[in-house]
Amino acid sequence: MKLKLFVLLVLGIIGIIFSSGCIQQKSPEGTIQPTGITSAKAWMDIELKDVTTGNKFKLSDFKGKPILLESFAVWCPTCLEQQKKISELKSNEGDAIVHISLDTDPNEDEEKVREHVKRYGFDWYFAVSPIELTNALRDEFGLGIVNAPAAPVVLICQNQSARFLRRGVKPPDELLSEIKSC
């Protein structure tokens, strides 16, 4: 009887994890299938604040330049690995690409993100996502966009069409190839 109860409890916990988006199922190729290319949406006009400079900006401010929008949490080692790859890309490509790291963990604040940026020496835009932006991104791209361990990245092209890139850490050459395909 105790074993049955234990099994039911474990299955219930697994069900909760899957339904909350903490774990995503993979397609046969092992990637998240993009939700398709979308055109400019209202979420691109939500105001953000760079935690290191205090400057306010919107994604729509960068029309005409490709944007890599990375959803992350400071506790996430996979996110840190993705940020290191973004740093490599930034050192090779300079300011030709706009890099924005968006903390979507509701338990983290500007100070935690500022400490993270300082600790690792990153030098691009970092912001804490307002709940309305997090919700809009989730509605647009699915729960995977707030699944930090999947290293979610959205590519916003020069014309502000957007697509969700595959899950997992993406190397600089793959990111650049995606950008060139805009």
C-alpha atoms as a PDB file:
ATOM      1  CA  MET A   1       0.000   0.000   0.000  1.00  0.00           C
ATOM      2  CA  LYS A   2       2.817   2.408   0.866  1.00  0.00           C
ATOM      3  CA  LEU A   3       4.521   1.633  -2.439  1.00  0.00           C
ATOM      4  CA  LYS A   4       1.317   2.408  -4.393  1.00  0.00           C
ATOM      5  CA  LEU A   5       0.934   5.690  -2.527  1.00  0.00           C
ATOM      6  CA  PHE A   6       4.563   6.569  -3.213  1.00  0.00           C
ATOM      7  CA  VAL A   7       4.202   5.788  -6.936  1.00  0.00           C
ATOM      8  CA  LEU A   8       1.041   7.905  -7.163  1.00  0.00           C
ATOM      9  CA  LEU A   9       2.791  10.771  -5.398  1.00  0.00           C
ATOM     10  CA  VAL A  10       5.781  10.614  -7.768  1.00  0.00           C
ATOM     11  CA  LEU A  11       3.508  10.460 -10.824  1.00  0.00           C
ATOM     12  CA  GLY A  12       1.548  13.441  -9.514  1.00  0.00           C
ATOM     13  CA  ILE A  13       4.719  15.474  -9.039  1.00  0.00           C
ATOM     14  CA  ILE A  14       5.911  14.604 -12.548  1.00  0.00           C
ATOM     15  CA  GLY A  15       2.522  15.660 -13.911  1.00  0.00           C
ATOM     16  CA  ILE A  16       2.752  19.002 -12.129  1.00  0.00           C
ATOM     17  CA  ILE A  17       6.269  19.602 -13.451  1.00  0.00           C
ATOM     18  CA  PHE A  18       5.254  18.858 -17.044  1.00  0.00           C
ATOM     19  CA  SER A  19       2.121  20.979 -16.863  1.00  0.00           C
ATOM     20  CA  SER A  20       3.997  23.922 -15.331  1.00  0.00           C
ATOM     21  CA  GLY A  21       6.478  23.999 -18.203  1.00  0.00           C
ATOM     22  CA  CYS A  22       9.516  23.175 -16.070  1.00  0.00           C
ATOM     23  CA  ILE A  23      10.243  20.292 -18.407  1.00  0.00           C
ATOM     24  CA  GLN A  24       9.482  20.297 -22.089  1.00  0.00           C
ATOM     25  CA  GLN A  25       9.060  17.366 -24.354  1.00  0.00           C
ATOM     26  CA  LYS A  26      11.412  17.206 -27.310  1.00  0.00           C
ATOM     27  CA  SER A  27      10.446  16.657 -30.881  1.00  0.00           C
ATOM     28  CA  PRO A  28      11.949  13.579 -32.573  1.00  0.00           C
ATOM     29  CA  GLU A  29      14.942  15.697 -33.628  1.00  0.00           C
ATOM     30  CA  GLY A  30      15.519  16.774 -30.003  1.00  0.00           C
ATOM     31  CA  THR A  31      14.578  20.400 -30.604  1.00  0.00           C
ATOM     32  CA  ILE A  32      11.676  22.620 -29.814  1.00  0.00           C
ATOM     33  CA  GLN A  33       9.848  23.332 -33.005  1.00  0.00           C
ATOM     34  CA  PRO A  34       9.641  27.078 -33.643  1.00  0.00           C
ATOM     35  CA  THR A  35       6.174  28.505 -33.304  1.00  0.00           C
ATOM     36  CA  GLY A  36       6.732  30.158 -36.657  1.00  0.00           C
ATOM     37  CA  ILE A  37       7.788  33.621 -37.615  1.00  0.00           C
ATOM     38  CA  THR A  38       5.627  36.325 -36.130  1.00  0.00           C
ATOM     39  CA  SER A  39       5.377  39.966 -37.083  1.00  0.00           C
ATOM     40  CA  ALA A  40       5.933  42.899 -34.742  1.00  0.00           C
ATOM     41  CA  LYS A  41       3.720  42.584 -31.699  1.00  0.00           C
ATOM     42  CA  ALA A  42       2.686  44.896 -28.882  1.00  0.00           C
ATOM     43  CA  TRP A  43       5.154  43.152 -26.553  1.00  0.00           C
ATOM     44  CA  MET A  44       7.971  44.828 -28.464  1.00  0.00           C
ATOM     45  CA  ASP A  45       6.738  48.200 -27.130  1.00  0.00           C
ATOM     46  CA  ILE A  46       6.822  47.273 -23.428  1.00  0.00           C
ATOM     47  CA  GLU A  47       9.344  49.453 -21.618  1.00  0.00           C
ATOM     48  CA  LEU A  48      12.394  47.772 -20.083  1.00  0.00           C
ATOM     49  CA  LYS A  49      15.141  49.128 -17.869  1.00  0.00           C
ATOM     50  CA  ASP A  50      18.790  48.158 -18.282  1.00  0.00           C
ATOM     51  CA  VAL A  51      19.849  47.139 -14.765  1.00  0.00           C
ATOM     52  CA  THR A  52      23.437  48.335 -15.219  1.00  0.00           C
ATOM     53  CA  THR A  53      22.790  51.806 -16.660  1.00  0.00           C
ATOM     54  CA  GLY A  54      19.219  52.536 -15.586  1.00  0.00           C
ATOM     55  CA  ASN A  55      18.413  53.522 -19.193  1.00  0.00           C
ATOM     56  CA  LYS A  56      14.920  52.678 -20.436  1.00  0.00           C
ATOM     57  CA  PHE A  57      14.373  51.017 -23.793  1.00  0.00           C
ATOM     58  CA  LYS A  58      11.918  48.939 -25.835  1.00  0.00           C
ATOM     59  CA  LEU A  59      12.634  46.116 -28.232  1.00  0.00           C
ATOM     60  CA  SER A  60      11.022  48.208 -30.966  1.00  0.00           C
ATOM     61  CA  ASP A  61      13.748  50.853 -30.457  1.00  0.00           C
ATOM     62  CA  PHE A  62      16.141  48.559 -32.335  1.00  0.00           C
ATOM     63  CA  LYS A  63      14.182  48.167 -35.572  1.00  0.00           C
ATOM     64  CA  GLY A  64      16.652  47.671 -38.407  1.00  0.00           C
ATOM     65  CA  LYS A  65      19.077  45.613 -36.297  1.00  0.00           C
ATOM     66  CA  PRO A  66      18.857  41.927 -35.399  1.00  0.00           C
ATOM     67  CA  ILE A  67      18.156  41.259 -31.709  1.00  0.00           C
ATOM     68  CA  LEU A  68      18.974  38.159 -29.693  1.00  0.00           C
ATOM     69  CA  LEU A  69      16.536  38.148 -26.779  1.00  0.00           C
ATOM     70  CA  GLU A  70      17.603  35.588 -24.222  1.00  0.00           C
ATOM     71  CA  SER A  71      15.305  34.613 -21.368  1.00  0.00           C
ATOM     72  CA  PHE A  72      17.273  33.578 -18.281  1.00  0.00           C
ATOM     73  CA  ALA A  73      17.503  33.291 -14.512  1.00  0.00           C
ATOM     74  CA  VAL A  74      20.669  34.036 -12.506  1.00  0.00           C
ATOM     75  CA  TRP A  75      20.537  30.593 -10.831  1.00  0.00           C
ATOM     76  CA  CYS A  76      20.563  28.759 -14.188  1.00  0.00           C
ATOM     77  CA  PRO A  77      23.929  27.222 -15.230  1.00  0.00           C
ATOM     78  CA  THR A  78      22.663  26.489 -18.760  1.00  0.00           C
ATOM     79  CA  CYS A  79      21.699  30.164 -19.126  1.00  0.00           C
ATOM     80  CA  LEU A  80      25.188  31.177 -18.026  1.00  0.00           C
ATOM     81  CA  GLU A  81      26.685  28.897 -20.679  1.00  0.00           C
ATOM     82  CA  GLN A  82      24.417  30.501 -23.300  1.00  0.00           C
ATOM     83  CA  GLN A  83      25.477  33.956 -22.099  1.00  0.00           C
ATOM     84  CA  LYS A  84      29.133  32.977 -22.509  1.00  0.00           C
ATOM     85  CA  LYS A  85      28.374  31.990 -26.122  1.00  0.00           C
ATOM     86  CA  ILE A  86      26.575  35.300 -26.631  1.00  0.00           C
ATOM     87  CA  SER A  87      29.646  37.059 -25.210  1.00  0.00           C
ATOM     88  CA  GLU A  88      31.830  35.269 -27.804  1.00  0.00           C
ATOM     89  CA  LEU A  89      29.460  36.353 -30.566  1.00  0.00           C
ATOM     90  CA  LYS A  90      29.475  39.928 -29.275  1.00  0.00           C
ATOM     91  CA  SER A  91      33.286  40.017 -29.246  1.00  0.00           C
ATOM     92  CA  ASN A  92      33.337  38.859 -32.882  1.00  0.00           C
ATOM     93  CA  GLU A  93      30.414  40.914 -34.234  1.00  0.00           C
ATOM     94  CA  GLY A  94      30.502  44.022 -32.031  1.00  0.00           C
ATOM     95  CA  ASP A  95      27.363  46.133 -31.970  1.00  0.00           C
ATOM     96  CA  ALA A  96      25.978  44.829 -35.280  1.00  0.00           C
ATOM     97  CA  ILE A  97      23.660  42.629 -33.200  1.00  0.00           C
ATOM     98  CA  VAL A  98      21.646  43.831 -30.202  1.00  0.00           C
ATOM     99  CA  HIS A  99      21.932  41.468 -27.254  1.00  0.00           C
ATOM    100  CA  ILE A 100      19.285  41.565 -24.533  1.00  0.00           C
ATOM    101  CA  SER A 101      19.180  39.182 -21.585  1.00  0.00           C
ATOM    102  CA  LEU A 102      15.769  39.213 -19.928  1.00  0.00           C
ATOM    103  CA  ASP A 103      15.407  37.751 -16.432  1.00  0.00           C
ATOM    104  CA  THR A 104      11.990  36.062 -16.391  1.00  0.00           C
ATOM    105  CA  ASP A 105      12.255  34.559 -12.888  1.00  0.00           C
ATOM    106  CA  PRO A 106       9.622  36.334 -10.748  1.00  0.00           C
ATOM    107  CA  ASN A 107      11.756  35.704  -7.634  1.00  0.00           C
ATOM    108  CA  GLU A 108      14.709  37.721  -8.924  1.00  0.00           C
ATOM    109  CA  ASP A 109      15.180  41.476  -8.936  1.00  0.00           C
ATOM    110  CA  GLU A 110      17.412  44.128 -10.495  1.00  0.00           C
ATOM    111  CA  GLU A 111      20.055  43.810  -7.775  1.00  0.00           C
ATOM    112  CA  LYS A 112      20.473  40.053  -8.340  1.00  0.00           C
ATOM    113  CA  VAL A 113      20.780  40.622 -12.082  1.00  0.00           C
ATOM    114  CA  ARG A 114      23.260  43.496 -11.593  1.00  0.00           C
ATOM    115  CA  GLU A 115      25.423  41.241  -9.389  1.00  0.00           C
ATOM    116  CA  HIS A 116      25.279  38.522 -12.072  1.00  0.00           C
ATOM    117  CA  VAL A 117      26.353  40.952 -14.816  1.00  0.00           C
ATOM    118  CA  LYS A 118      29.203  42.288 -12.696  1.00  0.00           C
ATOM    119  CA  ARG A 119      30.372  38.809 -11.606  1.00  0.00           C
ATOM    120  CA  TYR A 120      30.724  37.599 -15.215  1.00  0.00           C
ATOM    121  CA  GLY A 121      31.702  40.880 -16.895  1.00  0.00           C
ATOM    122  CA  PHE A 122      28.901  40.888 -19.469  1.00  0.00           C
ATOM    123  CA  ASP A 123      28.418  44.119 -21.412  1.00  0.00           C
ATOM    124  CA  TRP A 124      25.035  44.151 -23.100  1.00  0.00           C
ATOM    125  CA  TYR A 125      21.458  44.919 -22.087  1.00  0.00           C
ATOM    126  CA  PHE A 126      20.151  43.098 -19.015  1.00  0.00           C
ATOM    127  CA  ALA A 127      16.632  43.697 -17.713  1.00  0.00           C
ATOM    128  CA  VAL A 128      14.118  42.147 -15.351  1.00  0.00           C
ATOM    129  CA  SER A 129      11.053  41.222 -17.344  1.00  0.00           C
ATOM    130  CA  PRO A 130       7.844  42.984 -16.346  1.00  0.00           C
ATOM    131  CA  ILE A 131       5.110  40.382 -15.806  1.00  0.00           C
ATOM    132  CA  GLU A 132       3.153  41.692 -18.806  1.00  0.00           C
ATOM    133  CA  LEU A 133       6.143  41.044 -21.079  1.00  0.00           C
ATOM    134  CA  THR A 134       6.753  37.592 -19.603  1.00  0.00           C
ATOM    135  CA  ASN A 135       3.083  36.733 -20.151  1.00  0.00           C
ATOM    136  CA  ALA A 136       3.090  38.128 -23.696  1.00  0.00           C
ATOM    137  CA  LEU A 137       6.233  36.175 -24.615  1.00  0.00           C
ATOM    138  CA  ARG A 138       4.726  33.022 -23.110  1.00  0.00           C
ATOM    139  CA  ASP A 139       1.526  33.579 -25.102  1.00  0.00           C
ATOM    140  CA  GLU A 140       3.520  34.189 -28.294  1.00  0.00           C
ATOM    141  CA  PHE A 141       6.143  31.428 -28.022  1.00  0.00           C
ATOM    142  CA  GLY A 142       4.815  28.970 -25.429  1.00  0.00           C
ATOM    143  CA  LEU A 143       6.017  28.016 -21.965  1.00  0.00           C
ATOM    144  CA  GLY A 144       9.484  27.193 -23.276  1.00  0.00           C
ATOM    145  CA  ILE A 145      10.341  30.880 -23.353  1.00  0.00           C
ATOM    146  CA  VAL A 146      10.328  30.984 -19.535  1.00  0.00           C
ATOM    147  CA  ASN A 147      12.015  27.593 -19.096  1.00  0.00           C
ATOM    148  CA  ALA A 148      15.454  28.866 -18.067  1.00  0.00           C
ATOM    149  CA  PRO A 149      17.281  25.519 -18.180  1.00  0.00           C
ATOM    150  CA  ALA A 150      16.386  25.231 -21.885  1.00  0.00           C
ATOM    151  CA  ALA A 151      18.423  28.404 -22.659  1.00  0.00           C
ATOM    152  CA  PRO A 152      15.554  30.050 -24.561  1.00  0.00           C
ATOM    153  CA  VAL A 153      16.498  32.615 -27.207  1.00  0.00           C
ATOM    154  CA  VAL A 154      14.211  34.582 -29.507  1.00  0.00           C
ATOM    155  CA  LEU A 155      15.688  36.052 -32.674  1.00  0.00           C
ATOM    156  CA  ILE A 156      14.056  39.325 -33.679  1.00  0.00           C
ATOM    157  CA  CYS A 157      15.002  40.191 -37.254  1.00  0.00           C
ATOM    158  CA  GLN A 158      15.650  43.646 -38.673  1.00  0.00           C
ATOM    159  CA  ASN A 159      11.999  43.913 -39.771  1.00  0.00           C
ATOM    160  CA  GLN A 160      10.966  42.853 -36.227  1.00  0.00           C
ATOM    161  CA  SER A 161       9.634  39.458 -37.245  1.00  0.00           C
ATOM    162  CA  ALA A 162      10.537  37.014 -34.482  1.00  0.00           C
ATOM    163  CA  ARG A 163      11.194  33.318 -34.024  1.00  0.00           C
ATOM    164  CA  PHE A 164      12.027  31.077 -31.103  1.00  0.00           C
ATOM    165  CA  LEU A 165      15.328  29.236 -31.632  1.00  0.00           C
ATOM    166  CA  ARG A 166      15.917  25.625 -30.649  1.00  0.00           C
ATOM    167  CA  ARG A 167      16.406  24.603 -27.033  1.00  0.00           C
ATOM    168  CA  GLY A 168      19.841  24.124 -25.516  1.00  0.00           C
ATOM    169  CA  VAL A 169      23.025  26.178 -25.646  1.00  0.00           C
ATOM    170  CA  LYS A 170      23.504  27.606 -29.114  1.00  0.00           C
ATOM    171  CA  PRO A 171      27.099  28.271 -30.258  1.00  0.00           C
ATOM    172  CA  PRO A 172      28.074  31.637 -31.778  1.00  0.00           C
ATOM    173  CA  ASP A 173      28.303  30.296 -35.349  1.00  0.00           C
ATOM    174  CA  GLU A 174      24.777  28.872 -35.130  1.00  0.00           C
ATOM    175  CA  LEU A 175      23.420  32.147 -33.734  1.00  0.00           C
ATOM    176  CA  LEU A 176      25.152  34.080 -36.527  1.00  0.00           C
ATOM    177  CA  SER A 177      23.753  31.691 -39.151  1.00  0.00           C
ATOM    178  CA  GLU A 178      20.252  32.223 -37.760  1.00  0.00           C
ATOM    179  CA  ILE A 179      20.748  35.994 -37.849  1.00  0.00           C
ATOM    180  CA  LYS A 180      21.936  35.875 -41.461  1.00  0.00           C
ATOM    181  CA  SER A 181      18.790  33.943 -42.398  1.00  0.00           C
ATOM    182  CA  CYS A 182      16.563  36.874 -41.309  1.00  0.00           C
END
